[in-house]
Amino acid sequence: MRPSVLAELIGQNKVLGEDTLLRTLLESHEIPSIILWGPPGCGKTSLAHVLASNSKKQSSTRFVSLSATSASVDIIREVVKQAQNERKLLKRKTIVFFDEIHHFNKTQQNTLLPHVECGTITLIGATTENPSFQINSALLSRCRVIVLEKLSVEAMETILLRALNSFGISILGQDKEAGSMDGSKETE
């Protein structure tokens, strides 16, 4: 059910609306290293996948998704080594998505720093914690922080209705005209 294109992302108009920094970057197909900061369930991982998908369509880009809760320094080094080879041999970019990046310790963060700095990898990190306190300041200075908001009730309703619709499930009492989940009609 994860969105695969920008148009399917629901509820983050402040960062994805017209004339926003992130929208401009997406349309130019230049994805810098970023940290997505927001509450659980607001779409950080979905946004990362859409960014990667958009980048793959425009250029030869490899997307690697890891969880910071389980990625060791050895895994990070292996991903970086592959990214270096792909960059040299295939002229292919590597985007590395680290979910829960705030769980990285200083050593893990320092392992990433030179490779983000020189462009071997484009880092997309997702965190529920304030990056100013949880991310190494040198690494953070090489990333743009994008703040996502908690999804509204309306956005959640749209997402749930889309999911139900994709499975061919309808809700009893759902008013098709008003589109409300409680079945009540709006009066004029």
C-alpha atoms as a PDB file:
ATOM      1  CA  MET A   1       0.000   0.000   0.000  1.00  0.00           C
ATOM      2  CA  ARG A   2       3.046   2.264   0.100  1.00  0.00           C
ATOM      3  CA  PRO A   3       2.802   5.113  -2.460  1.00  0.00           C
ATOM      4  CA  SER A   4       5.178   4.810  -5.382  1.00  0.00           C
ATOM      5  CA  VAL A   5       4.797   8.257  -6.950  1.00  0.00           C
ATOM      6  CA  LEU A   6       4.628  11.767  -5.566  1.00  0.00           C
ATOM      7  CA  ALA A   7       0.954  12.202  -6.491  1.00  0.00           C
ATOM      8  CA  GLU A   8       0.028   9.292  -4.196  1.00  0.00           C
ATOM      9  CA  LEU A   9       1.612  10.857  -1.093  1.00  0.00           C
ATOM     10  CA  ILE A  10      -1.105  12.254   1.147  1.00  0.00           C
ATOM     11  CA  GLY A  11      -0.947  14.842   3.893  1.00  0.00           C
ATOM     12  CA  GLN A  12       2.401  16.610   3.670  1.00  0.00           C
ATOM     13  CA  ASN A  13       1.446  19.666   1.614  1.00  0.00           C
ATOM     14  CA  LYS A  14       3.697  22.029   3.592  1.00  0.00           C
ATOM     15  CA  VAL A  15       6.836  20.215   2.413  1.00  0.00           C
ATOM     16  CA  LEU A  16       5.567  18.792  -0.890  1.00  0.00           C
ATOM     17  CA  GLY A  17       3.236  21.532  -2.132  1.00  0.00           C
ATOM     18  CA  GLU A  18       3.901  23.767  -5.105  1.00  0.00           C
ATOM     19  CA  ASP A  19       7.008  25.986  -4.838  1.00  0.00           C
ATOM     20  CA  THR A  20       8.424  24.152  -1.822  1.00  0.00           C
ATOM     21  CA  LEU A  21      12.100  23.262  -1.590  1.00  0.00           C
ATOM     22  CA  LEU A  22      11.497  19.520  -1.658  1.00  0.00           C
ATOM     23  CA  ARG A  23       9.113  19.713  -4.630  1.00  0.00           C
ATOM     24  CA  THR A  24      11.637  21.835  -6.543  1.00  0.00           C
ATOM     25  CA  LEU A  25      14.408  19.331  -5.803  1.00  0.00           C
ATOM     26  CA  LEU A  26      12.196  16.433  -6.865  1.00  0.00           C
ATOM     27  CA  GLU A  27      11.273  18.108 -10.125  1.00  0.00           C
ATOM     28  CA  SER A  28      14.915  18.897 -10.871  1.00  0.00           C
ATOM     29  CA  HIS A  29      15.807  15.279  -9.989  1.00  0.00           C
ATOM     30  CA  GLU A  30      18.575  16.495  -7.708  1.00  0.00           C
ATOM     31  CA  ILE A  31      18.117  14.787  -4.374  1.00  0.00           C
ATOM     32  CA  PRO A  32      20.558  16.038  -1.735  1.00  0.00           C
ATOM     33  CA  SER A  33      21.289  14.204   1.483  1.00  0.00           C
ATOM     34  CA  ILE A  34      18.327  14.807   3.783  1.00  0.00           C
ATOM     35  CA  ILE A  35      17.006  13.938   7.201  1.00  0.00           C
ATOM     36  CA  LEU A  36      13.231  13.414   7.391  1.00  0.00           C
ATOM     37  CA  TRP A  37      12.072  14.319  10.875  1.00  0.00           C
ATOM     38  CA  GLY A  38       8.537  13.729  12.084  1.00  0.00           C
ATOM     39  CA  PRO A  39       6.236  11.694  14.300  1.00  0.00           C
ATOM     40  CA  PRO A  40       5.664   7.973  13.752  1.00  0.00           C
ATOM     41  CA  GLY A  41       3.354   7.192  10.843  1.00  0.00           C
ATOM     42  CA  CYS A  42       3.640  10.558   9.078  1.00  0.00           C
ATOM     43  CA  GLY A  43       5.130   9.140   5.872  1.00  0.00           C
ATOM     44  CA  LYS A  44       8.911   9.442   6.280  1.00  0.00           C
ATOM     45  CA  THR A  45       9.650   5.984   4.858  1.00  0.00           C
ATOM     46  CA  SER A  46       7.065   6.383   2.102  1.00  0.00           C
ATOM     47  CA  LEU A  47       8.579   9.729   1.123  1.00  0.00           C
ATOM     48  CA  ALA A  48      12.070   8.198   1.026  1.00  0.00           C
ATOM     49  CA  HIS A  49      10.853   5.459  -1.304  1.00  0.00           C
ATOM     50  CA  VAL A  50       9.124   7.985  -3.571  1.00  0.00           C
ATOM     51  CA  LEU A  51      12.306  10.085  -3.695  1.00  0.00           C
ATOM     52  CA  ALA A  52      14.307   7.011  -4.672  1.00  0.00           C
ATOM     53  CA  SER A  53      11.730   5.898  -7.229  1.00  0.00           C
ATOM     54  CA  ASN A  54      11.700   9.365  -8.789  1.00  0.00           C
ATOM     55  CA  SER A  55      15.487   9.369  -8.935  1.00  0.00           C
ATOM     56  CA  LYS A  56      15.613   5.892 -10.525  1.00  0.00           C
ATOM     57  CA  LYS A  57      13.276   7.011 -13.304  1.00  0.00           C
ATOM     58  CA  GLN A  58      15.509   9.920 -14.261  1.00  0.00           C
ATOM     59  CA  SER A  59      18.939   8.360 -13.902  1.00  0.00           C
ATOM     60  CA  SER A  60      20.625   5.138 -13.088  1.00  0.00           C
ATOM     61  CA  THR A  61      20.300   5.132  -9.319  1.00  0.00           C
ATOM     62  CA  ARG A  62      20.591   2.330  -6.810  1.00  0.00           C
ATOM     63  CA  PHE A  63      18.469   2.464  -3.664  1.00  0.00           C
ATOM     64  CA  VAL A  64      19.545   0.713  -0.480  1.00  0.00           C
ATOM     65  CA  SER A  65      17.212   0.622   2.507  1.00  0.00           C
ATOM     66  CA  LEU A  66      18.571  -0.203   5.952  1.00  0.00           C
ATOM     67  CA  SER A  67      17.401   0.119   9.518  1.00  0.00           C
ATOM     68  CA  ALA A  68      19.762   1.905  11.853  1.00  0.00           C
ATOM     69  CA  THR A  69      18.615  -0.422  14.625  1.00  0.00           C
ATOM     70  CA  SER A  70      20.309  -3.377  12.910  1.00  0.00           C
ATOM     71  CA  ALA A  71      22.961  -1.955  10.541  1.00  0.00           C
ATOM     72  CA  SER A  72      26.472  -2.585  11.818  1.00  0.00           C
ATOM     73  CA  VAL A  73      29.558  -0.607  10.822  1.00  0.00           C
ATOM     74  CA  ASP A  74      30.557  -3.582   8.620  1.00  0.00           C
ATOM     75  CA  ILE A  75      27.243  -3.402   6.735  1.00  0.00           C
ATOM     76  CA  ILE A  76      27.686   0.355   6.257  1.00  0.00           C
ATOM     77  CA  ARG A  77      31.213  -0.171   4.923  1.00  0.00           C
ATOM     78  CA  GLU A  78      29.974  -2.849   2.495  1.00  0.00           C
ATOM     79  CA  VAL A  79      27.222  -0.558   1.186  1.00  0.00           C
ATOM     80  CA  VAL A  80      29.757   2.254   0.746  1.00  0.00           C
ATOM     81  CA  LYS A  81      32.195  -0.086  -1.043  1.00  0.00           C
ATOM     82  CA  GLN A  82      29.433  -1.145  -3.469  1.00  0.00           C
ATOM     83  CA  ALA A  83      28.466   2.514  -3.976  1.00  0.00           C
ATOM     84  CA  GLN A  84      32.082   3.423  -4.792  1.00  0.00           C
ATOM     85  CA  ASN A  85      32.291   0.602  -7.352  1.00  0.00           C
ATOM     86  CA  GLU A  86      28.954   1.520  -8.934  1.00  0.00           C
ATOM     87  CA  ARG A  87      29.978   5.163  -9.144  1.00  0.00           C
ATOM     88  CA  LYS A  88      33.321   4.367 -10.805  1.00  0.00           C
ATOM     89  CA  LEU A  89      32.268   1.572 -13.129  1.00  0.00           C
ATOM     90  CA  LEU A  90      28.649   2.343 -13.987  1.00  0.00           C
ATOM     91  CA  LYS A  91      28.418   6.078 -13.234  1.00  0.00           C
ATOM     92  CA  ARG A  92      25.492   5.099 -11.029  1.00  0.00           C
ATOM     93  CA  LYS A  93      24.425   7.010  -7.910  1.00  0.00           C
ATOM     94  CA  THR A  94      23.523   5.288  -4.660  1.00  0.00           C
ATOM     95  CA  ILE A  95      20.838   6.547  -2.311  1.00  0.00           C
ATOM     96  CA  VAL A  96      21.032   4.981   1.137  1.00  0.00           C
ATOM     97  CA  PHE A  97      17.939   5.199   3.312  1.00  0.00           C
ATOM     98  CA  PHE A  98      18.472   4.705   7.040  1.00  0.00           C
ATOM     99  CA  ASP A  99      15.254   4.303   8.965  1.00  0.00           C
ATOM    100  CA  GLU A 100      15.524   5.302  12.633  1.00  0.00           C
ATOM    101  CA  ILE A 101      18.860   7.024  11.990  1.00  0.00           C
ATOM    102  CA  HIS A 102      18.825   8.443  15.526  1.00  0.00           C
ATOM    103  CA  HIS A 103      19.782   4.943  16.743  1.00  0.00           C
ATOM    104  CA  PHE A 104      23.206   5.214  15.105  1.00  0.00           C
ATOM    105  CA  ASN A 105      26.061   5.717  17.518  1.00  0.00           C
ATOM    106  CA  LYS A 106      28.907   8.164  16.863  1.00  0.00           C
ATOM    107  CA  THR A 107      31.084   5.512  15.178  1.00  0.00           C
ATOM    108  CA  GLN A 108      28.338   4.552  12.730  1.00  0.00           C
ATOM    109  CA  GLN A 109      27.614   8.199  11.951  1.00  0.00           C
ATOM    110  CA  ASN A 110      31.321   8.957  11.494  1.00  0.00           C
ATOM    111  CA  THR A 111      31.581   6.021   9.062  1.00  0.00           C
ATOM    112  CA  LEU A 112      28.980   7.730   6.842  1.00  0.00           C
ATOM    113  CA  LEU A 113      30.389  11.259   7.030  1.00  0.00           C
ATOM    114  CA  PRO A 114      33.206  11.207   4.427  1.00  0.00           C
ATOM    115  CA  HIS A 115      31.042   9.341   1.915  1.00  0.00           C
ATOM    116  CA  VAL A 116      28.143  11.755   2.237  1.00  0.00           C
ATOM    117  CA  GLU A 117      30.593  14.646   2.044  1.00  0.00           C
ATOM    118  CA  CYS A 118      32.230  13.495  -1.206  1.00  0.00           C
ATOM    119  CA  GLY A 119      28.974  12.314  -2.801  1.00  0.00           C
ATOM    120  CA  THR A 120      29.659   8.583  -2.863  1.00  0.00           C
ATOM    121  CA  ILE A 121      26.248   8.148  -1.286  1.00  0.00           C
ATOM    122  CA  THR A 122      23.189  10.313  -0.939  1.00  0.00           C
ATOM    123  CA  LEU A 123      21.866   9.832   2.561  1.00  0.00           C
ATOM    124  CA  ILE A 124      18.199   9.875   3.424  1.00  0.00           C
ATOM    125  CA  GLY A 125      17.653   9.418   7.132  1.00  0.00           C
ATOM    126  CA  ALA A 126      14.334   9.122   8.933  1.00  0.00           C
ATOM    127  CA  THR A 127      13.945   9.971  12.586  1.00  0.00           C
ATOM    128  CA  THR A 128      11.295  10.668  15.170  1.00  0.00           C
ATOM    129  CA  GLU A 129      13.878  12.392  17.372  1.00  0.00           C
ATOM    130  CA  ASN A 130      15.184  15.937  17.050  1.00  0.00           C
ATOM    131  CA  PRO A 131      18.167  15.619  14.682  1.00  0.00           C
ATOM    132  CA  SER A 132      19.949  18.534  16.377  1.00  0.00           C
ATOM    133  CA  PHE A 133      20.407  16.370  19.449  1.00  0.00           C
ATOM    134  CA  GLN A 134      20.680  12.908  17.903  1.00  0.00           C
ATOM    135  CA  ILE A 135      22.713  13.339  14.716  1.00  0.00           C
ATOM    136  CA  ASN A 136      26.412  14.172  14.652  1.00  0.00           C
ATOM    137  CA  SER A 137      26.665  17.897  13.861  1.00  0.00           C
ATOM    138  CA  ALA A 138      29.207  17.331  11.057  1.00  0.00           C
ATOM    139  CA  LEU A 139      26.888  14.825   9.352  1.00  0.00           C
ATOM    140  CA  LEU A 140      23.837  16.987   9.994  1.00  0.00           C
ATOM    141  CA  SER A 141      25.560  20.003   8.403  1.00  0.00           C
ATOM    142  CA  ARG A 142      25.790  18.055   5.137  1.00  0.00           C
ATOM    143  CA  CYS A 143      22.074  17.241   5.104  1.00  0.00           C
ATOM    144  CA  ARG A 144      18.893  19.231   4.733  1.00  0.00           C
ATOM    145  CA  VAL A 145      16.357  18.610   7.472  1.00  0.00           C
ATOM    146  CA  ILE A 146      12.784  18.225   6.255  1.00  0.00           C
ATOM    147  CA  VAL A 147      10.179  18.430   9.031  1.00  0.00           C
ATOM    148  CA  LEU A 148       7.048  16.364   8.452  1.00  0.00           C
ATOM    149  CA  GLU A 149       3.845  16.859  10.412  1.00  0.00           C
ATOM    150  CA  LYS A 150       1.440  14.436  12.007  1.00  0.00           C
ATOM    151  CA  LEU A 151      -1.154  13.355   9.441  1.00  0.00           C
ATOM    152  CA  SER A 152      -4.557  15.003   9.754  1.00  0.00           C
ATOM    153  CA  VAL A 153      -7.737  13.003  10.266  1.00  0.00           C
ATOM    154  CA  GLU A 154      -8.735  13.836   6.695  1.00  0.00           C
ATOM    155  CA  ALA A 155      -5.428  12.557   5.321  1.00  0.00           C
ATOM    156  CA  MET A 156      -5.756   9.325   7.327  1.00  0.00           C
ATOM    157  CA  GLU A 157      -9.311   8.875   6.046  1.00  0.00           C
ATOM    158  CA  THR A 158      -8.120   9.312   2.453  1.00  0.00           C
ATOM    159  CA  ILE A 159      -5.309   6.787   2.969  1.00  0.00           C
ATOM    160  CA  LEU A 160      -7.635   4.243   4.599  1.00  0.00           C
ATOM    161  CA  LEU A 161     -10.301   4.621   1.917  1.00  0.00           C
ATOM    162  CA  ARG A 162      -7.667   4.170  -0.792  1.00  0.00           C
ATOM    163  CA  ALA A 163      -6.417   0.996   0.897  1.00  0.00           C
ATOM    164  CA  LEU A 164      -9.935  -0.407   1.275  1.00  0.00           C
ATOM    165  CA  ASN A 165     -10.739   0.497  -2.307  1.00  0.00           C
ATOM    166  CA  SER A 166      -7.630  -1.281  -3.607  1.00  0.00           C
ATOM    167  CA  PHE A 167      -8.836  -4.478  -1.949  1.00  0.00           C
ATOM    168  CA  GLY A 168     -12.383  -4.012  -3.235  1.00  0.00           C
ATOM    169  CA  ILE A 169     -13.760  -3.482   0.276  1.00  0.00           C
ATOM    170  CA  SER A 170     -16.507  -0.985   0.966  1.00  0.00           C
ATOM    171  CA  ILE A 171     -17.723   0.298   4.314  1.00  0.00           C
ATOM    172  CA  LEU A 172     -21.372  -0.223   5.148  1.00  0.00           C
ATOM    173  CA  GLY A 173     -23.140   3.085   5.580  1.00  0.00           C
ATOM    174  CA  GLN A 174     -20.441   5.011   3.726  1.00  0.00           C
ATOM    175  CA  ASP A 175     -22.013   7.924   1.900  1.00  0.00           C
ATOM    176  CA  LYS A 176     -20.567   7.949  -1.604  1.00  0.00           C
ATOM    177  CA  GLU A 177     -21.566  11.578  -2.250  1.00  0.00           C
ATOM    178  CA  ALA A 178     -20.108  13.121   0.874  1.00  0.00           C
ATOM    179  CA  GLY A 179     -17.287  10.597   1.158  1.00  0.00           C
ATOM    180  CA  SER A 180     -17.483  10.589   4.928  1.00  0.00           C
ATOM    181  CA  MET A 181     -16.768   7.463   6.924  1.00  0.00           C
ATOM    182  CA  ASP A 182     -19.725   7.917   9.295  1.00  0.00           C
ATOM    183  CA  GLY A 183     -22.288   8.001   6.483  1.00  0.00           C
ATOM    184  CA  SER A 184     -23.671  11.404   7.361  1.00  0.00           C
ATOM    185  CA  LYS A 185     -24.474  13.776   4.518  1.00  0.00           C
ATOM    186  CA  GLU A 186     -23.395  17.342   4.440  1.00  0.00           C
ATOM    187  CA  THR A 187     -26.259  19.804   4.248  1.00  0.00           C
ATOM    188  CA  GLU A 188     -26.244  22.887   2.144  1.00  0.00           C
END
